[in-house]
Amino acid sequence: MISLACTSLFFGRNQSLLDFWFYITVFARYPSTIYSGSPTGEVIRFVFSYVLPILLVVTVPARVLMSMVIEPNWLSGLTLLTGVVSVFLSRAVFKWSLRFYRSASS
């Protein structure tokens, strides 16, 4: 989200990109198990668990808090790693984007 917000430094108005991100995060409102069972659902589950780790960051902590078993076990570690990498990557993108900042008044 921070990386996407940094695009406003380049594009000025980027409401459509933020709307796109909102519609993508709609998939995170539901547990990842609802996407199992069909080939299309498995593709959606894979993409939003590993490519854009929205489901991974939401589902795994919720299951841990509910004391549910997480299979495979390495998924908990991957969630922590994803969070840490996301913070550092977002910070790097933000710092890089600041180099291109232009004041709106000038």
PDB file of N, CA and C in Angstrom:
ATOM      1  N   MET A   1       0.824  -1.185   0.000  1.00  0.00           N
ATOM      2  CA  MET A   1       0.000   0.000   0.000  1.00  0.00           C
ATOM      3  C   MET A   1       0.872   1.255   0.000  1.00  0.00           C
ATOM      4  N   ILE A   2       1.929   1.248   0.790  1.00  0.00           N
ATOM      5  CA  ILE A   2       2.821   2.402   0.828  1.00  0.00           C
ATOM      6  C   ILE A   2       3.486   2.592  -0.531  1.00  0.00           C
ATOM      7  N   SER A   3       3.913   1.508  -1.130  1.00  0.00           N
ATOM      8  CA  SER A   3       4.549   1.600  -2.448  1.00  0.00           C
ATOM      9  C   SER A   3       3.574   2.147  -3.481  1.00  0.00           C
ATOM     10  N   LEU A   4       2.327   1.732  -3.400  1.00  0.00           N
ATOM     11  CA  LEU A   4       1.323   2.227  -4.334  1.00  0.00           C
ATOM     12  C   LEU A   4       1.043   3.703  -4.089  1.00  0.00           C
ATOM     13  N   ALA A   5       1.012   4.109  -2.839  1.00  0.00           N
ATOM     14  CA  ALA A   5       0.793   5.520  -2.517  1.00  0.00           C
ATOM     15  C   ALA A   5       1.947   6.382  -3.008  1.00  0.00           C
ATOM     16  N   CYS A   6       3.135   5.828  -3.075  1.00  0.00           N
ATOM     17  CA  CYS A   6       4.300   6.585  -3.563  1.00  0.00           C
ATOM     18  C   CYS A   6       4.163   6.956  -5.031  1.00  0.00           C
ATOM     19  N   THR A   7       3.317   6.257  -5.756  1.00  0.00           N
ATOM     20  CA  THR A   7       3.139   6.600  -7.164  1.00  0.00           C
ATOM     21  C   THR A   7       2.505   7.970  -7.332  1.00  0.00           C
ATOM     22  N   SER A   8       1.854   8.487  -6.287  1.00  0.00           N
ATOM     23  CA  SER A   8       1.270   9.826  -6.395  1.00  0.00           C
ATOM     24  C   SER A   8       2.353  10.887  -6.555  1.00  0.00           C
ATOM     25  N   LEU A   9       3.577  10.585  -6.149  1.00  0.00           N
ATOM     26  CA  LEU A   9       4.676  11.519  -6.363  1.00  0.00           C
ATOM     27  C   LEU A   9       5.029  11.630  -7.846  1.00  0.00           C
ATOM     28  N   PHE A  10       4.729  10.597  -8.611  1.00  0.00           N
ATOM     29  CA  PHE A  10       5.010  10.602 -10.045  1.00  0.00           C
ATOM     30  C   PHE A  10       3.807  11.062 -10.866  1.00  0.00           C
ATOM     31  N   PHE A  11       2.636  10.560 -10.503  1.00  0.00           N
ATOM     32  CA  PHE A  11       1.451  10.766 -11.325  1.00  0.00           C
ATOM     33  C   PHE A  11       0.561  11.910 -10.860  1.00  0.00           C
ATOM     34  N   GLY A  12       0.788  12.444  -9.694  1.00  0.00           N
ATOM     35  CA  GLY A  12      -0.086  13.486  -9.173  1.00  0.00           C
ATOM     36  C   GLY A  12      -1.359  12.885  -8.616  1.00  0.00           C
ATOM     37  N   ARG A  13      -2.308  12.654  -9.469  1.00  0.00           N
ATOM     38  CA  ARG A  13      -3.558  12.024  -9.034  1.00  0.00           C
ATOM     39  C   ARG A  13      -3.519  10.554  -9.438  1.00  0.00           C
ATOM     40  N   ASN A  14      -3.657   9.705  -8.470  1.00  0.00           N
ATOM     41  CA  ASN A  14      -3.633   8.270  -8.772  1.00  0.00           C
ATOM     42  C   ASN A  14      -4.792   7.549  -8.099  1.00  0.00           C
ATOM     43  N   GLN A  15      -5.936   8.174  -8.074  1.00  0.00           N
ATOM     44  CA  GLN A  15      -7.096   7.591  -7.413  1.00  0.00           C
ATOM     45  C   GLN A  15      -7.465   6.248  -8.030  1.00  0.00           C
ATOM     46  N   SER A  16      -7.305   6.098  -9.329  1.00  0.00           N
ATOM     47  CA  SER A  16      -7.662   4.829  -9.965  1.00  0.00           C
ATOM     48  C   SER A  16      -6.765   3.695  -9.484  1.00  0.00           C
ATOM     49  N   LEU A  17      -5.482   3.971  -9.217  1.00  0.00           N
ATOM     50  CA  LEU A  17      -4.599   2.934  -8.677  1.00  0.00           C
ATOM     51  C   LEU A  17      -4.998   2.555  -7.258  1.00  0.00           C
ATOM     52  N   LEU A  18      -5.381   3.536  -6.465  1.00  0.00           N
ATOM     53  CA  LEU A  18      -5.823   3.238  -5.104  1.00  0.00           C
ATOM     54  C   LEU A  18      -7.141   2.471  -5.114  1.00  0.00           C
ATOM     55  N   ASP A  19      -8.029   2.791  -6.052  1.00  0.00           N
ATOM     56  CA  ASP A  19      -9.268   2.024  -6.198  1.00  0.00           C
ATOM     57  C   ASP A  19      -8.963   0.586  -6.594  1.00  0.00           C
ATOM     58  N   PHE A  20      -8.010   0.414  -7.503  1.00  0.00           N
ATOM     59  CA  PHE A  20      -7.594  -0.929  -7.907  1.00  0.00           C
ATOM     60  C   PHE A  20      -7.103  -1.723  -6.696  1.00  0.00           C
ATOM     61  N   TRP A  21      -6.274  -1.095  -5.857  1.00  0.00           N
ATOM     62  CA  TRP A  21      -5.773  -1.771  -4.662  1.00  0.00           C
ATOM     63  C   TRP A  21      -6.920  -2.130  -3.723  1.00  0.00           C
ATOM     64  N   PHE A  22      -7.908  -1.257  -3.596  1.00  0.00           N
ATOM     65  CA  PHE A  22      -9.067  -1.547  -2.754  1.00  0.00           C
ATOM     66  C   PHE A  22      -9.788  -2.790  -3.257  1.00  0.00           C
ATOM     67  N   TYR A  23     -10.002  -2.892  -4.557  1.00  0.00           N
ATOM     68  CA  TYR A  23     -10.704  -4.052  -5.105  1.00  0.00           C
ATOM     69  C   TYR A  23      -9.887  -5.332  -4.970  1.00  0.00           C
ATOM     70  N   ILE A  24      -8.576  -5.237  -5.026  1.00  0.00           N
ATOM     71  CA  ILE A  24      -7.725  -6.408  -4.821  1.00  0.00           C
ATOM     72  C   ILE A  24      -7.818  -6.884  -3.375  1.00  0.00           C
ATOM     73  N   THR A  25      -7.818  -5.939  -2.434  1.00  0.00           N
ATOM     74  CA  THR A  25      -7.853  -6.327  -1.022  1.00  0.00           C
ATOM     75  C   THR A  25      -9.206  -6.881  -0.596  1.00  0.00           C
ATOM     76  N   VAL A  26     -10.211  -6.782  -1.444  1.00  0.00           N
ATOM     77  CA  VAL A  26     -11.498  -7.407  -1.145  1.00  0.00           C
ATOM     78  C   VAL A  26     -11.314  -8.916  -0.981  1.00  0.00           C
ATOM     79  N   PHE A  27     -10.371  -9.487  -1.717  1.00  0.00           N
ATOM     80  CA  PHE A  27     -10.112 -10.921  -1.616  1.00  0.00           C
ATOM     81  C   PHE A  27      -9.609 -11.312  -0.234  1.00  0.00           C
ATOM     82  N   ALA A  28      -9.012 -10.392   0.491  1.00  0.00           N
ATOM     83  CA  ALA A  28      -8.462 -10.690   1.814  1.00  0.00           C
ATOM     84  C   ALA A  28      -9.525 -10.698   2.899  1.00  0.00           C
ATOM     85  N   ARG A  29     -10.717 -10.310   2.578  1.00  0.00           N
ATOM     86  CA  ARG A  29     -11.785 -10.290   3.584  1.00  0.00           C
ATOM     87  C   ARG A  29     -12.297 -11.683   3.923  1.00  0.00           C
ATOM     88  N   TYR A  30     -11.989 -12.624   3.103  1.00  0.00           N
ATOM     89  CA  TYR A  30     -12.498 -13.977   3.280  1.00  0.00           C
ATOM     90  C   TYR A  30     -11.342 -14.928   3.556  1.00  0.00           C
ATOM     91  N   PRO A  31     -11.596 -16.014   4.288  1.00  0.00           N
ATOM     92  CA  PRO A  31     -10.515 -16.979   4.541  1.00  0.00           C
ATOM     93  C   PRO A  31     -10.052 -17.627   3.238  1.00  0.00           C
ATOM     94  N   SER A  32      -8.789 -17.993   3.224  1.00  0.00           N
ATOM     95  CA  SER A  32      -8.218 -18.545   1.988  1.00  0.00           C
ATOM     96  C   SER A  32      -8.824 -19.889   1.607  1.00  0.00           C
ATOM     97  N   THR A  33      -9.466 -20.562   2.544  1.00  0.00           N
ATOM     98  CA  THR A  33     -10.040 -21.879   2.244  1.00  0.00           C
ATOM     99  C   THR A  33     -11.227 -21.804   1.287  1.00  0.00           C
ATOM    100  N   ILE A  34     -11.860 -20.638   1.156  1.00  0.00           N
ATOM    101  CA  ILE A  34     -12.996 -20.569   0.230  1.00  0.00           C
ATOM    102  C   ILE A  34     -12.553 -20.598  -1.225  1.00  0.00           C
ATOM    103  N   TYR A  35     -11.272 -20.379  -1.460  1.00  0.00           N
ATOM    104  CA  TYR A  35     -10.771 -20.390  -2.829  1.00  0.00           C
ATOM    105  C   TYR A  35     -10.288 -21.770  -3.256  1.00  0.00           C
ATOM    106  N   SER A  36     -10.444 -22.788  -2.404  1.00  0.00           N
ATOM    107  CA  SER A  36     -10.028 -24.143  -2.776  1.00  0.00           C
ATOM    108  C   SER A  36     -11.182 -24.878  -3.441  1.00  0.00           C
ATOM    109  N   GLY A  37     -10.836 -25.865  -4.199  1.00  0.00           N
ATOM    110  CA  GLY A  37     -11.849 -26.737  -4.763  1.00  0.00           C
ATOM    111  C   GLY A  37     -12.039 -26.618  -6.262  1.00  0.00           C
ATOM    112  N   SER A  38     -11.734 -25.502  -6.838  1.00  0.00           N
ATOM    113  CA  SER A  38     -11.860 -25.358  -8.288  1.00  0.00           C
ATOM    114  C   SER A  38     -10.521 -24.872  -8.842  1.00  0.00           C
ATOM    115  N   PRO A  39     -10.254 -25.166 -10.096  1.00  0.00           N
ATOM    116  CA  PRO A  39      -8.981 -24.714 -10.676  1.00  0.00           C
ATOM    117  C   PRO A  39      -8.820 -23.186 -10.638  1.00  0.00           C
ATOM    118  N   THR A  40      -9.886 -22.462 -10.920  1.00  0.00           N
ATOM    119  CA  THR A  40      -9.814 -20.999 -10.868  1.00  0.00           C
ATOM    120  C   THR A  40      -9.561 -20.520  -9.451  1.00  0.00           C
ATOM    121  N   GLY A  41     -10.235 -21.135  -8.491  1.00  0.00           N
ATOM    122  CA  GLY A  41     -10.039 -20.770  -7.094  1.00  0.00           C
ATOM    123  C   GLY A  41      -8.623 -21.035  -6.623  1.00  0.00           C
ATOM    124  N   GLU A  42      -8.036 -22.134  -7.080  1.00  0.00           N
ATOM    125  CA  GLU A  42      -6.655 -22.446  -6.697  1.00  0.00           C
ATOM    126  C   GLU A  42      -5.673 -21.424  -7.278  1.00  0.00           C
ATOM    127  N   VAL A  43      -5.937 -20.969  -8.500  1.00  0.00           N
ATOM    128  CA  VAL A  43      -5.081 -19.938  -9.098  1.00  0.00           C
ATOM    129  C   VAL A  43      -5.195 -18.643  -8.300  1.00  0.00           C
ATOM    130  N   ILE A  44      -6.426 -18.249  -7.963  1.00  0.00           N
ATOM    131  CA  ILE A  44      -6.639 -17.039  -7.157  1.00  0.00           C
ATOM    132  C   ILE A  44      -5.951 -17.186  -5.809  1.00  0.00           C
ATOM    133  N   ARG A  45      -6.097 -18.335  -5.203  1.00  0.00           N
ATOM    134  CA  ARG A  45      -5.480 -18.571  -3.895  1.00  0.00           C
ATOM    135  C   ARG A  45      -3.953 -18.490  -3.981  1.00  0.00           C
ATOM    136  N   PHE A  46      -3.363 -19.075  -5.007  1.00  0.00           N
ATOM    137  CA  PHE A  46      -1.912 -19.028  -5.167  1.00  0.00           C
ATOM    138  C   PHE A  46      -1.430 -17.598  -5.396  1.00  0.00           C
ATOM    139  N   VAL A  47      -2.087 -16.886  -6.302  1.00  0.00           N
ATOM    140  CA  VAL A  47      -1.659 -15.514  -6.622  1.00  0.00           C
ATOM    141  C   VAL A  47      -1.746 -14.621  -5.396  1.00  0.00           C
ATOM    142  N   PHE A  48      -2.858 -14.696  -4.660  1.00  0.00           N
ATOM    143  CA  PHE A  48      -3.036 -13.807  -3.516  1.00  0.00           C
ATOM    144  C   PHE A  48      -2.409 -14.344  -2.236  1.00  0.00           C
ATOM    145  N   SER A  49      -1.775 -15.498  -2.316  1.00  0.00           N
ATOM    146  CA  SER A  49      -1.018 -15.993  -1.163  1.00  0.00           C
ATOM    147  C   SER A  49       0.481 -15.802  -1.341  1.00  0.00           C
ATOM    148  N   TYR A  50       0.968 -15.906  -2.571  1.00  0.00           N
ATOM    149  CA  TYR A  50       2.411 -15.892  -2.781  1.00  0.00           C
ATOM    150  C   TYR A  50       2.904 -14.775  -3.698  1.00  0.00           C
ATOM    151  N   VAL A  51       2.141 -14.394  -4.705  1.00  0.00           N
ATOM    152  CA  VAL A  51       2.575 -13.327  -5.603  1.00  0.00           C
ATOM    153  C   VAL A  51       2.281 -11.962  -4.977  1.00  0.00           C
ATOM    154  N   LEU A  52       1.036 -11.723  -4.627  1.00  0.00           N
ATOM    155  CA  LEU A  52       0.616 -10.559  -3.833  1.00  0.00           C
ATOM    156  C   LEU A  52       0.123 -11.133  -2.505  1.00  0.00           C
ATOM    157  N   PRO A  53       0.964 -11.198  -1.510  1.00  0.00           N
ATOM    158  CA  PRO A  53       0.639 -11.988  -0.307  1.00  0.00           C
ATOM    159  C   PRO A  53      -0.432 -11.379   0.600  1.00  0.00           C
ATOM    160  N   ILE A  54      -1.562 -11.045   0.017  1.00  0.00           N
ATOM    161  CA  ILE A  54      -2.659 -10.471   0.787  1.00  0.00           C
ATOM    162  C   ILE A  54      -3.281 -11.529   1.687  1.00  0.00           C
ATOM    163  N   LEU A  55      -3.609 -12.684   1.131  1.00  0.00           N
ATOM    164  CA  LEU A  55      -4.227 -13.744   1.930  1.00  0.00           C
ATOM    165  C   LEU A  55      -3.273 -14.291   2.977  1.00  0.00           C
ATOM    166  N   LEU A  56      -2.012 -14.366   2.650  1.00  0.00           N
ATOM    167  CA  LEU A  56      -1.023 -14.911   3.575  1.00  0.00           C
ATOM    168  C   LEU A  56      -0.916 -14.053   4.826  1.00  0.00           C
ATOM    169  N   VAL A  57      -0.897 -12.760   4.644  1.00  0.00           N
ATOM    170  CA  VAL A  57      -0.716 -11.852   5.773  1.00  0.00           C
ATOM    171  C   VAL A  57      -1.986 -11.745   6.614  1.00  0.00           C
ATOM    172  N   VAL A  58      -3.137 -12.045   6.048  1.00  0.00           N
ATOM    173  CA  VAL A  58      -4.390 -11.956   6.795  1.00  0.00           C
ATOM    174  C   VAL A  58      -4.790 -13.304   7.386  1.00  0.00           C
ATOM    175  N   THR A  59      -4.730 -14.356   6.605  1.00  0.00           N
ATOM    176  CA  THR A  59      -5.236 -15.654   7.037  1.00  0.00           C
ATOM    177  C   THR A  59      -4.376 -16.306   8.110  1.00  0.00           C
ATOM    178  N   VAL A  60      -3.072 -16.312   7.938  1.00  0.00           N
ATOM    179  CA  VAL A  60      -2.198 -17.015   8.886  1.00  0.00           C
ATOM    180  C   VAL A  60      -2.279 -16.418  10.285  1.00  0.00           C
ATOM    181  N   PRO A  61      -2.157 -15.099  10.470  1.00  0.00           N
ATOM    182  CA  PRO A  61      -2.288 -14.574  11.836  1.00  0.00           C
ATOM    183  C   PRO A  61      -3.662 -14.843  12.451  1.00  0.00           C
ATOM    184  N   ALA A  62      -4.718 -14.792  11.645  1.00  0.00           N
ATOM    185  CA  ALA A  62      -6.054 -15.079  12.165  1.00  0.00           C
ATOM    186  C   ALA A  62      -6.150 -16.525  12.631  1.00  0.00           C
ATOM    187  N   ARG A  63      -5.579 -17.434  11.875  1.00  0.00           N
ATOM    188  CA  ARG A  63      -5.612 -18.847  12.278  1.00  0.00           C
ATOM    189  C   ARG A  63      -4.769 -19.094  13.520  1.00  0.00           C
ATOM    190  N   VAL A  64      -3.655 -18.381  13.652  1.00  0.00           N
ATOM    191  CA  VAL A  64      -2.819 -18.529  14.847  1.00  0.00           C
ATOM    192  C   VAL A  64      -3.576 -18.031  16.072  1.00  0.00           C
ATOM    193  N   LEU A  65      -4.239 -16.883  15.950  1.00  0.00           N
ATOM    194  CA  LEU A  65      -5.008 -16.343  17.072  1.00  0.00           C
ATOM    195  C   LEU A  65      -6.166 -17.246  17.466  1.00  0.00           C
ATOM    196  N   MET A  66      -6.712 -17.964  16.511  1.00  0.00           N
ATOM    197  CA  MET A  66      -7.813 -18.887  16.798  1.00  0.00           C
ATOM    198  C   MET A  66      -7.308 -20.264  17.193  1.00  0.00           C
ATOM    199  N   SER A  67      -6.000 -20.430  17.319  1.00  0.00           N
ATOM    200  CA  SER A  67      -5.359 -21.700  17.691  1.00  0.00           C
ATOM    201  C   SER A  67      -5.690 -22.814  16.717  1.00  0.00           C
ATOM    202  N   MET A  68      -5.789 -22.486  15.452  1.00  0.00           N
ATOM    203  CA  MET A  68      -6.036 -23.493  14.426  1.00  0.00           C
ATOM    204  C   MET A  68      -4.698 -23.956  13.864  1.00  0.00           C
ATOM    205  N   VAL A  69      -4.662 -25.183  13.413  1.00  0.00           N
ATOM    206  CA  VAL A  69      -3.439 -25.748  12.845  1.00  0.00           C
ATOM    207  C   VAL A  69      -3.195 -25.122  11.474  1.00  0.00           C
ATOM    208  N   ILE A  70      -1.953 -24.742  11.246  1.00  0.00           N
ATOM    209  CA  ILE A  70      -1.574 -24.166   9.959  1.00  0.00           C
ATOM    210  C   ILE A  70      -0.752 -25.199   9.210  1.00  0.00           C
ATOM    211  N   GLU A  71      -1.237 -25.593   8.062  1.00  0.00           N
ATOM    212  CA  GLU A  71      -0.519 -26.539   7.222  1.00  0.00           C
ATOM    213  C   GLU A  71      -0.138 -25.858   5.931  1.00  0.00           C
ATOM    214  N   PRO A  72       1.034 -25.929   5.492  1.00  0.00           N
ATOM    215  CA  PRO A  72       2.233 -26.474   6.111  1.00  0.00           C
ATOM    216  C   PRO A  72       2.766 -25.544   7.199  1.00  0.00           C
ATOM    217  N   ASN A  73       3.594 -26.097   8.065  1.00  0.00           N
ATOM    218  CA  ASN A  73       4.091 -25.366   9.232  1.00  0.00           C
ATOM    219  C   ASN A  73       4.958 -24.168   8.871  1.00  0.00           C
ATOM    220  N   TRP A  74       5.659 -24.218   7.774  1.00  0.00           N
ATOM    221  CA  TRP A  74       6.553 -23.126   7.395  1.00  0.00           C
ATOM    222  C   TRP A  74       5.795 -21.871   6.984  1.00  0.00           C
ATOM    223  N   LEU A  75       4.475 -21.965   6.850  1.00  0.00           N
ATOM    224  CA  LEU A  75       3.675 -20.817   6.443  1.00  0.00           C
ATOM    225  C   LEU A  75       3.712 -19.689   7.470  1.00  0.00           C
ATOM    226  N   SER A  76       3.809 -20.039   8.746  1.00  0.00           N
ATOM    227  CA  SER A  76       3.896 -19.012   9.796  1.00  0.00           C
ATOM    228  C   SER A  76       5.176 -18.200   9.644  1.00  0.00           C
ATOM    229  N   GLY A  77       6.277 -18.875   9.419  1.00  0.00           N
ATOM    230  CA  GLY A  77       7.548 -18.180   9.220  1.00  0.00           C
ATOM    231  C   GLY A  77       7.538 -17.325   7.964  1.00  0.00           C
ATOM    232  N   LEU A  78       6.898 -17.833   6.915  1.00  0.00           N
ATOM    233  CA  LEU A  78       6.804 -17.072   5.672  1.00  0.00           C
ATOM    234  C   LEU A  78       5.988 -15.797   5.873  1.00  0.00           C
ATOM    235  N   THR A  79       4.970 -15.872   6.717  1.00  0.00           N
ATOM    236  CA  THR A  79       4.163 -14.688   7.005  1.00  0.00           C
ATOM    237  C   THR A  79       4.993 -13.615   7.694  1.00  0.00           C
ATOM    238  N   LEU A  80       5.777 -14.013   8.684  1.00  0.00           N
ATOM    239  CA  LEU A  80       6.646 -13.052   9.366  1.00  0.00           C
ATOM    240  C   LEU A  80       7.673 -12.458   8.406  1.00  0.00           C
ATOM    241  N   LEU A  81       8.267 -13.309   7.598  1.00  0.00           N
ATOM    242  CA  LEU A  81       9.253 -12.847   6.629  1.00  0.00           C
ATOM    243  C   LEU A  81       8.625 -11.886   5.620  1.00  0.00           C
ATOM    244  N   THR A  82       7.430 -12.200   5.164  1.00  0.00           N
ATOM    245  CA  THR A  82       6.728 -11.335   4.217  1.00  0.00           C
ATOM    246  C   THR A  82       6.463  -9.965   4.819  1.00  0.00           C
ATOM    247  N   GLY A  83       6.062  -9.933   6.073  1.00  0.00           N
ATOM    248  CA  GLY A  83       5.821  -8.659   6.746  1.00  0.00           C
ATOM    249  C   GLY A  83       7.069  -7.814   6.855  1.00  0.00           C
ATOM    250  N   VAL A  84       8.166  -8.429   7.270  1.00  0.00           N
ATOM    251  CA  VAL A  84       9.433  -7.701   7.428  1.00  0.00           C
ATOM    252  C   VAL A  84       9.943  -7.203   6.076  1.00  0.00           C
ATOM    253  N   VAL A  85       9.911  -8.056   5.071  1.00  0.00           N
ATOM    254  CA  VAL A  85      10.371  -7.662   3.737  1.00  0.00           C
ATOM    255  C   VAL A  85       9.493  -6.537   3.181  1.00  0.00           C
ATOM    256  N   SER A  86       8.192  -6.623   3.404  1.00  0.00           N
ATOM    257  CA  SER A  86       7.283  -5.587   2.913  1.00  0.00           C
ATOM    258  C   SER A  86       7.577  -4.233   3.537  1.00  0.00           C
ATOM    259  N   VAL A  87       7.869  -4.213   4.837  1.00  0.00           N
ATOM    260  CA  VAL A  87       8.181  -2.948   5.511  1.00  0.00           C
ATOM    261  C   VAL A  87       9.449  -2.334   4.925  1.00  0.00           C
ATOM    262  N   PHE A  88      10.505  -3.127   4.800  1.00  0.00           N
ATOM    263  CA  PHE A  88      11.762  -2.598   4.276  1.00  0.00           C
ATOM    264  C   PHE A  88      11.650  -2.199   2.807  1.00  0.00           C
ATOM    265  N   LEU A  89      10.938  -2.981   2.022  1.00  0.00           N
ATOM    266  CA  LEU A  89      10.757  -2.653   0.611  1.00  0.00           C
ATOM    267  C   LEU A  89       9.930  -1.377   0.446  1.00  0.00           C
ATOM    268  N   SER A  90       8.872  -1.242   1.223  1.00  0.00           N
ATOM    269  CA  SER A  90       8.048  -0.035   1.155  1.00  0.00           C
ATOM    270  C   SER A  90       8.839   1.193   1.565  1.00  0.00           C
ATOM    271  N   ARG A  91       9.655   1.052   2.577  1.00  0.00           N
ATOM    272  CA  ARG A  91      10.488   2.178   3.028  1.00  0.00           C
ATOM    273  C   ARG A  91      11.491   2.580   1.942  1.00  0.00           C
ATOM    274  N   ALA A  92      12.088   1.596   1.297  1.00  0.00           N
ATOM    275  CA  ALA A  92      13.047   1.888   0.227  1.00  0.00           C
ATOM    276  C   ALA A  92      12.362   2.571  -0.955  1.00  0.00           C
ATOM    277  N   VAL A  93      11.179   2.102  -1.319  1.00  0.00           N
ATOM    278  CA  VAL A  93      10.440   2.720  -2.422  1.00  0.00           C
ATOM    279  C   VAL A  93      10.050   4.150  -2.061  1.00  0.00           C
ATOM    280  N   PHE A  94       9.640   4.368  -0.814  1.00  0.00           N
ATOM    281  CA  PHE A  94       9.268   5.714  -0.378  1.00  0.00           C
ATOM    282  C   PHE A  94      10.459   6.665  -0.448  1.00  0.00           C
ATOM    283  N   LYS A  95      11.606   6.226   0.049  1.00  0.00           N
ATOM    284  CA  LYS A  95      12.801   7.082  -0.004  1.00  0.00           C
ATOM    285  C   LYS A  95      13.206   7.367  -1.448  1.00  0.00           C
ATOM    286  N   TRP A  96      13.125   6.376  -2.303  1.00  0.00           N
ATOM    287  CA  TRP A  96      13.458   6.554  -3.710  1.00  0.00           C
ATOM    288  C   TRP A  96      12.479   7.523  -4.367  1.00  0.00           C
ATOM    289  N   SER A  97      11.196   7.412  -4.028  1.00  0.00           N
ATOM    290  CA  SER A  97      10.173   8.278  -4.611  1.00  0.00           C
ATOM    291  C   SER A  97      10.340   9.727  -4.189  1.00  0.00           C
ATOM    292  N   LEU A  98      10.836   9.961  -2.991  1.00  0.00           N
ATOM    293  CA  LEU A  98      11.016  11.330  -2.519  1.00  0.00           C
ATOM    294  C   LEU A  98      11.999  12.119  -3.384  1.00  0.00           C
ATOM    295  N   ARG A  99      12.888  11.430  -4.063  1.00  0.00           N
ATOM    296  CA  ARG A  99      13.835  12.124  -4.937  1.00  0.00           C
ATOM    297  C   ARG A  99      13.130  12.790  -6.106  1.00  0.00           C
ATOM    298  N   PHE A 100      11.948  12.325  -6.448  1.00  0.00           N
ATOM    299  CA  PHE A 100      11.209  12.847  -7.594  1.00  0.00           C
ATOM    300  C   PHE A 100      10.056  13.758  -7.194  1.00  0.00           C
ATOM    301  N   TYR A 101      10.000  14.144  -5.937  1.00  0.00           N
ATOM    302  CA  TYR A 101       8.902  14.975  -5.453  1.00  0.00           C
ATOM    303  C   TYR A 101       8.951  16.355  -6.089  1.00  0.00           C
ATOM    304  N   ARG A 102       7.788  16.814  -6.536  1.00  0.00           N
ATOM    305  CA  ARG A 102       7.632  18.171  -7.056  1.00  0.00           C
ATOM    306  C   ARG A 102       6.529  18.846  -6.268  1.00  0.00           C
ATOM    307  N   SER A 103       6.763  20.046  -5.855  1.00  0.00           N
ATOM    308  CA  SER A 103       5.767  20.795  -5.103  1.00  0.00           C
ATOM    309  C   SER A 103       4.580  21.119  -6.001  1.00  0.00           C
ATOM    310  N   ALA A 104       3.389  21.063  -5.447  1.00  0.00           N
ATOM    311  CA  ALA A 104       2.193  21.364  -6.231  1.00  0.00           C
ATOM    312  C   ALA A 104       2.060  22.859  -6.500  1.00  0.00           C
ATOM    313  N   SER A 105       2.705  23.679  -5.700  1.00  0.00           N
ATOM    314  CA  SER A 105       2.553  25.125  -5.859  1.00  0.00           C
ATOM    315  C   SER A 105       3.567  25.741  -6.820  1.00  0.00           C
ATOM    316  N   SER A 106       4.562  24.980  -7.234  1.00  0.00           N
ATOM    317  CA  SER A 106       5.561  25.594  -8.117  1.00  0.00           C
ATOM    318  C   SER A 106       5.551  24.991  -9.495  1.00  0.00           C
TER     319      SER A 106
END
